[in-house]
Amino acid sequence: MNIKAFLSLTRPANLVTAIADVLAGMAIAGYFLDASPAPAPVGWLALSTVCLYGGGVVFNDVFDAELDAVERPERPIPSGIVKKNSATMLGTVLLLIGIVTAFLANQTAGLLAIGIAVASLVYDRFGKHHNLLGPLNMGLCRGLNLLLGVSILPNQVLPWAWVGLVPIAYIGAITMISRGEVHGGSAGTLRVAGLLYALVIGCVAALAQSRGQLGTALPFLLLFGYYIFPPLWRAVREPVGRNIGAAVKAGVLSLIVMNAAWVASFASFPLAMLVFCLLPLSRLLAKIFAVT
């Protein structure tokens, strides 16, 4: 068994960003404002999001096996390193573990985990083939993932459900531009993505200001912009597959910085720094495993 090949199906660098989503959601719920928050629910939800994300991207490669055989034959399934049936089993087990561990946190989290699993499978099988619904579907997965973190305090999910729209906009933008990774893309689409990026930064900044935390969140928002806009601009100037792939990779990994900004807006600078410190780990994994 080729362990590295199986791990590559789960996109390990991206799994770290999923943990950052959940930690941001917990901060939004106010969980870390408690003098001594219980660690067990944090652990269950972190494990849940890793398994849900991992299972979702494994099924992405399962459904794309025939297309990847043409466009990306080096990937584990089309190359024959991992059998399609084995990958299907891996994805199924991961999604089931993700749902069960979420229920171990609480029922609301479990129901959200089911929603994430369903949304990811719908995207993998159908959503990605639609120009509008695809980006919205992928964004929904991340929005629900943020709310999975909020569900650590179930009574906070409804009051903060609307914040799920922010990652929907951001991931929707990344998904839009990712369609040009192989054959190149449209500069117009990339510019729309840039506007969505700016909107996301503005929303987080406005929330931070409303909570009197803009000064705490601003360093992370500036870093967020620094990481995502230069590669996007290079892709706008020359919308070839190489540049678009770099922009997508930067956008995905920079989710950690956006989540650090959420934590800074709702909790504290030290906690935000802890989340930010996940970025070097994610970048290290990105040098070993594919991100997109």
Protein backbone atom coordinates (compact mmCIF):
# COMPACT_ATOMS: atom_id res chain seq x y z
CA MET A 1 0.00 0.00 0.00
CA ASN A 2 1.36 3.41 -1.01
CA ILE A 3 0.55 5.54 2.06
CA LYS A 4 1.72 8.78 0.42
CA ALA A 5 -0.59 8.19 -2.55
CA PHE A 6 -3.59 7.64 -0.28
CA LEU A 7 -2.67 10.73 1.74
CA SER A 8 -2.34 12.80 -1.44
CA LEU A 9 -5.98 12.02 -2.26
CA THR A 10 -7.02 13.89 0.90
CA ARG A 11 -5.00 17.07 0.07
CA PRO A 12 -3.22 17.28 3.49
CA ALA A 13 -2.34 20.97 3.11
CA ASN A 14 -6.03 21.77 2.66
CA LEU A 15 -7.01 19.74 5.73
CA VAL A 16 -5.13 22.26 7.86
CA THR A 17 -7.24 25.07 6.40
CA ALA A 18 -10.39 23.13 7.37
CA ILE A 19 -9.22 23.03 10.99
CA ALA A 20 -8.68 26.79 10.83
CA ASP A 21 -12.29 27.19 9.60
CA VAL A 22 -13.62 25.35 12.63
CA LEU A 23 -11.44 27.29 15.08
CA ALA A 24 -12.70 30.54 13.52
CA GLY A 25 -16.29 29.36 13.94
CA MET A 26 -15.64 28.58 17.60
CA ALA A 27 -14.29 32.09 18.09
CA ILE A 28 -17.37 33.58 16.40
CA ALA A 29 -19.57 31.58 18.77
CA GLY A 30 -17.68 33.07 21.71
CA TYR A 31 -16.42 29.70 22.91
CA PHE A 32 -12.92 30.94 23.69
CA LEU A 33 -14.24 33.80 25.84
CA ASP A 34 -14.99 31.22 28.53
CA ALA A 35 -12.28 31.14 31.18
CA SER A 36 -11.80 27.38 30.75
CA PRO A 37 -13.40 26.04 27.53
CA ALA A 38 -13.72 22.25 27.47
CA PRO A 39 -11.14 20.73 25.07
CA ALA A 40 -13.12 17.61 24.09
CA PRO A 41 -15.62 19.33 21.73
CA VAL A 42 -12.74 21.20 20.10
CA GLY A 43 -10.99 17.92 19.42
CA TRP A 44 -14.11 16.17 18.11
CA LEU A 45 -14.94 18.99 15.71
CA ALA A 46 -11.34 19.31 14.52
CA LEU A 47 -11.27 15.57 13.75
CA SER A 48 -14.69 15.83 12.13
CA THR A 49 -13.70 18.61 9.74
CA VAL A 50 -10.48 16.83 8.74
CA CYS A 51 -12.41 13.67 7.88
CA LEU A 52 -15.24 15.50 6.11
CA TYR A 53 -12.88 17.55 3.98
CA GLY A 54 -10.65 14.57 3.30
CA GLY A 55 -13.59 12.40 2.31
CA GLY A 56 -14.97 15.09 0.06
CA VAL A 57 -11.77 15.59 -1.92
CA VAL A 58 -11.18 11.83 -2.20
CA PHE A 59 -14.57 11.53 -3.90
CA ASN A 60 -13.62 14.46 -6.11
CA ASP A 61 -10.80 12.35 -7.52
CA VAL A 62 -13.01 9.26 -7.70
CA PHE A 63 -15.59 11.05 -9.85
CA ASP A 64 -12.87 12.75 -11.93
CA ALA A 65 -10.83 9.58 -12.58
CA GLU A 66 -11.62 9.44 -16.31
CA LEU A 67 -11.00 13.15 -16.87
CA ASP A 68 -7.78 13.06 -14.83
CA ALA A 69 -6.58 10.15 -16.98
CA VAL A 70 -6.44 12.70 -19.82
CA GLU A 71 -5.57 15.96 -18.05
CA ARG A 72 -3.66 14.80 -14.94
CA PRO A 73 -2.54 11.21 -15.52
CA GLU A 74 0.07 11.46 -12.75
CA ARG A 75 -2.61 11.50 -10.04
CA PRO A 76 -2.96 8.39 -7.84
CA ILE A 77 -6.13 6.92 -9.37
CA PRO A 78 -5.47 7.38 -13.13
CA SER A 79 -1.82 6.36 -12.65
CA GLY A 80 -2.98 3.08 -11.10
CA ILE A 81 -1.18 3.61 -7.79
CA VAL A 82 -4.53 3.66 -5.98
CA LYS A 83 -7.44 1.55 -7.19
CA LYS A 84 -10.72 3.41 -7.70
CA ASN A 85 -12.58 1.00 -5.38
CA SER A 86 -10.00 1.55 -2.64
CA ALA A 87 -10.34 5.31 -2.98
CA THR A 88 -14.13 5.01 -2.81
CA MET A 89 -13.82 3.00 0.41
CA LEU A 90 -11.41 5.56 1.88
CA GLY A 91 -13.74 8.47 1.05
CA THR A 92 -16.75 6.68 2.52
CA VAL A 93 -14.97 5.82 5.78
CA LEU A 94 -13.69 9.38 6.16
CA LEU A 95 -17.13 10.92 5.65
CA LEU A 96 -18.70 8.50 8.14
CA ILE A 97 -16.03 9.24 10.76
CA GLY A 98 -16.55 12.95 10.16
CA ILE A 99 -20.29 12.64 10.82
CA VAL A 100 -19.94 10.38 13.88
CA THR A 101 -17.31 12.57 15.56
CA ALA A 102 -19.46 15.66 14.97
CA PHE A 103 -22.38 13.94 16.73
CA LEU A 104 -20.01 13.20 19.63
CA ALA A 105 -19.70 16.98 20.03
CA ASN A 106 -23.47 17.60 19.86
CA GLN A 107 -26.51 16.93 17.68
CA THR A 108 -26.42 20.27 15.89
CA ALA A 109 -22.82 19.65 14.85
CA GLY A 110 -23.77 16.18 13.63
CA LEU A 111 -26.56 17.53 11.45
CA LEU A 112 -24.22 20.15 10.00
CA ALA A 113 -21.67 17.41 9.28
CA ILE A 114 -24.31 15.50 7.32
CA GLY A 115 -25.02 18.70 5.39
CA ILE A 116 -21.32 19.14 4.61
CA ALA A 117 -20.99 15.54 3.43
CA VAL A 118 -24.03 15.83 1.17
CA ALA A 119 -22.94 19.22 -0.21
CA SER A 120 -19.45 17.92 -0.98
CA LEU A 121 -20.76 14.83 -2.78
CA VAL A 122 -23.22 16.91 -4.79
CA TYR A 123 -20.37 19.18 -5.83
CA ASP A 124 -18.06 16.29 -6.71
CA ARG A 125 -20.66 14.53 -8.84
CA PHE A 126 -22.75 17.37 -10.29
CA GLY A 127 -21.98 20.89 -9.05
CA LYS A 128 -18.51 21.31 -10.51
CA HIS A 129 -19.93 21.03 -14.02
CA HIS A 130 -22.11 24.17 -13.64
CA ASN A 131 -20.57 27.61 -14.11
CA LEU A 132 -22.75 29.32 -11.47
CA LEU A 133 -23.98 26.55 -9.21
CA GLY A 134 -20.54 24.95 -8.99
CA PRO A 135 -18.78 27.85 -7.21
CA LEU A 136 -21.82 28.38 -4.96
CA ASN A 137 -21.91 24.68 -4.11
CA MET A 138 -18.21 24.61 -3.24
CA GLY A 139 -18.57 27.78 -1.21
CA LEU A 140 -21.50 26.24 0.66
CA CYS A 141 -19.21 23.44 1.84
CA ARG A 142 -16.86 25.99 3.42
CA GLY A 143 -19.69 28.08 4.80
CA LEU A 144 -21.14 25.03 6.54
CA ASN A 145 -17.66 24.15 7.77
CA LEU A 146 -17.37 27.55 9.45
CA LEU A 147 -20.78 26.96 11.05
CA LEU A 148 -19.57 23.52 12.19
CA GLY A 149 -17.18 25.44 14.42
CA VAL A 150 -19.94 27.79 15.58
CA SER A 151 -22.03 24.74 16.53
CA ILE A 152 -19.74 24.06 19.46
CA LEU A 153 -22.33 26.30 21.14
CA PRO A 154 -25.50 25.12 19.37
CA ASN A 155 -27.57 28.15 20.39
CA GLN A 156 -25.16 30.40 18.47
CA VAL A 157 -25.66 28.77 15.06
CA LEU A 158 -28.83 30.61 14.05
CA PRO A 159 -27.68 34.08 15.19
CA TRP A 160 -24.43 33.69 13.24
CA ALA A 161 -25.64 31.57 10.31
CA TRP A 162 -25.31 34.53 7.95
CA VAL A 163 -21.52 34.68 8.38
CA GLY A 164 -21.41 31.49 6.32
CA LEU A 165 -22.05 33.74 3.30
CA VAL A 166 -18.51 35.16 3.60
CA PRO A 167 -16.64 31.90 2.88
CA ILE A 168 -19.26 31.10 0.24
CA ALA A 169 -18.24 34.30 -1.60
CA TYR A 170 -14.53 33.65 -1.11
CA ILE A 171 -14.49 29.98 -2.10
CA GLY A 172 -16.92 30.74 -4.91
CA ALA A 173 -14.32 33.15 -6.28
CA ILE A 174 -11.52 30.57 -6.01
CA THR A 175 -13.67 27.91 -7.67
CA MET A 176 -14.50 30.29 -10.52
CA ILE A 177 -10.86 30.92 -11.34
CA SER A 178 -9.76 27.31 -10.75
CA ARG A 179 -11.51 26.24 -13.95
CA GLY A 180 -8.65 27.75 -15.90
CA GLU A 181 -5.90 25.77 -14.15
CA VAL A 182 -5.38 23.35 -17.03
CA HIS A 183 -6.18 25.27 -20.23
CA GLY A 184 -6.00 28.88 -19.07
CA GLY A 185 -8.81 31.22 -18.12
CA SER A 186 -10.49 34.57 -18.60
CA ALA A 187 -9.05 37.81 -17.29
CA GLY A 188 -12.61 39.05 -16.75
CA THR A 189 -13.42 36.12 -14.47
CA LEU A 190 -10.23 36.76 -12.53
CA ARG A 191 -11.19 40.42 -12.04
CA VAL A 192 -14.61 39.39 -10.69
CA ALA A 193 -12.81 37.08 -8.28
CA GLY A 194 -10.68 40.02 -7.16
CA LEU A 195 -13.80 42.06 -6.41
CA LEU A 196 -15.18 39.17 -4.34
CA TYR A 197 -11.87 38.97 -2.45
CA ALA A 198 -12.13 42.68 -1.65
CA LEU A 199 -15.75 42.24 -0.54
CA VAL A 200 -14.74 39.45 1.83
CA ILE A 201 -11.99 41.57 3.38
CA GLY A 202 -14.43 44.45 3.75
CA CYS A 203 -17.02 42.23 5.49
CA VAL A 204 -14.53 40.87 8.02
CA ALA A 205 -13.17 44.38 8.64
CA ALA A 206 -16.69 45.75 9.18
CA LEU A 207 -17.49 43.02 11.69
CA ALA A 208 -14.22 43.60 13.49
CA GLN A 209 -14.97 47.35 13.64
CA SER A 210 -18.47 46.68 14.99
CA ARG A 211 -16.92 44.69 17.83
CA GLY A 212 -14.19 47.25 18.53
CA GLN A 213 -11.54 44.77 17.33
CA LEU A 214 -10.46 46.28 14.03
CA GLY A 215 -7.01 47.13 15.36
CA THR A 216 -6.53 43.51 16.39
CA ALA A 217 -7.78 42.08 13.11
CA LEU A 218 -6.11 44.60 10.76
CA PRO A 219 -2.64 42.97 10.66
CA PHE A 220 -4.20 39.68 9.60
CA LEU A 221 -6.43 41.34 7.00
CA LEU A 222 -3.42 43.13 5.51
CA LEU A 223 -1.49 39.86 5.38
CA PHE A 224 -4.51 38.19 3.82
CA GLY A 225 -4.56 40.76 1.03
CA TYR A 226 -0.79 40.47 0.60
CA TYR A 227 -1.03 36.72 0.07
CA ILE A 228 -4.00 36.62 -2.31
CA PHE A 229 -3.85 39.70 -4.54
CA PRO A 230 -0.33 39.56 -6.10
CA PRO A 231 -0.73 36.02 -7.54
CA LEU A 232 -4.23 36.92 -8.71
CA TRP A 233 -2.89 40.02 -10.44
CA ARG A 234 -0.20 37.98 -12.18
CA ALA A 235 -2.94 35.67 -13.43
CA VAL A 236 -5.01 38.65 -14.67
CA ARG A 237 -2.02 39.95 -16.64
CA GLU A 238 -1.27 36.51 -18.09
CA PRO A 239 -4.22 34.12 -17.59
CA VAL A 240 -2.36 30.90 -18.36
CA GLY A 241 -2.76 27.65 -16.45
CA ARG A 242 0.48 28.06 -14.48
CA ASN A 243 -0.43 31.50 -13.12
CA ILE A 244 -4.04 30.55 -12.42
CA GLY A 245 -2.90 27.45 -10.53
CA ALA A 246 -0.61 29.61 -8.38
CA ALA A 247 -3.49 32.02 -7.67
CA VAL A 248 -5.77 29.15 -6.66
CA LYS A 249 -3.13 27.63 -4.40
CA ALA A 250 -2.51 31.00 -2.73
CA GLY A 251 -6.25 31.51 -2.25
CA VAL A 252 -6.77 28.11 -0.63
CA LEU A 253 -3.80 28.30 1.75
CA SER A 254 -4.65 31.90 2.68
CA LEU A 255 -7.93 30.69 4.17
CA ILE A 256 -5.85 30.22 7.32
CA VAL A 257 -5.02 33.93 7.36
CA MET A 258 -8.68 34.86 6.83
CA ASN A 259 -9.63 32.58 9.70
CA ALA A 260 -6.98 34.18 11.89
CA ALA A 261 -8.66 37.51 11.12
CA TRP A 262 -12.01 36.05 12.25
CA VAL A 263 -10.42 34.91 15.51
CA ALA A 264 -8.83 38.32 16.01
CA SER A 265 -12.24 39.94 15.44
CA PHE A 266 -14.08 37.76 17.95
CA ALA A 267 -11.48 36.55 20.46
CA SER A 268 -7.90 37.77 20.96
CA PHE A 269 -4.62 38.44 19.20
CA PRO A 270 -2.76 35.50 20.84
CA LEU A 271 -5.46 33.04 19.73
CA ALA A 272 -5.40 34.54 16.24
CA MET A 273 -1.63 34.03 16.15
CA LEU A 274 -2.10 30.38 17.07
CA VAL A 275 -4.39 29.95 14.08
CA PHE A 276 -1.99 31.89 11.86
CA CYS A 277 0.79 29.50 12.88
CA LEU A 278 -1.07 26.76 11.01
CA LEU A 279 0.01 28.49 7.77
CA PRO A 280 3.64 27.28 7.81
CA LEU A 281 2.41 23.72 8.38
CA SER A 282 -0.03 24.00 5.48
CA ARG A 283 2.65 25.47 3.22
CA LEU A 284 5.06 22.70 4.13
CA LEU A 285 2.47 20.06 3.27
CA ALA A 286 1.74 21.93 0.03
CA LYS A 287 5.35 21.31 -1.05
CA ILE A 288 4.84 17.57 -0.60
CA PHE A 289 1.22 17.09 -1.71
CA ALA A 290 -1.00 18.70 -4.35
CA VAL A 291 -3.32 21.48 -3.17
CA THR A 292 -5.74 21.49 -6.13
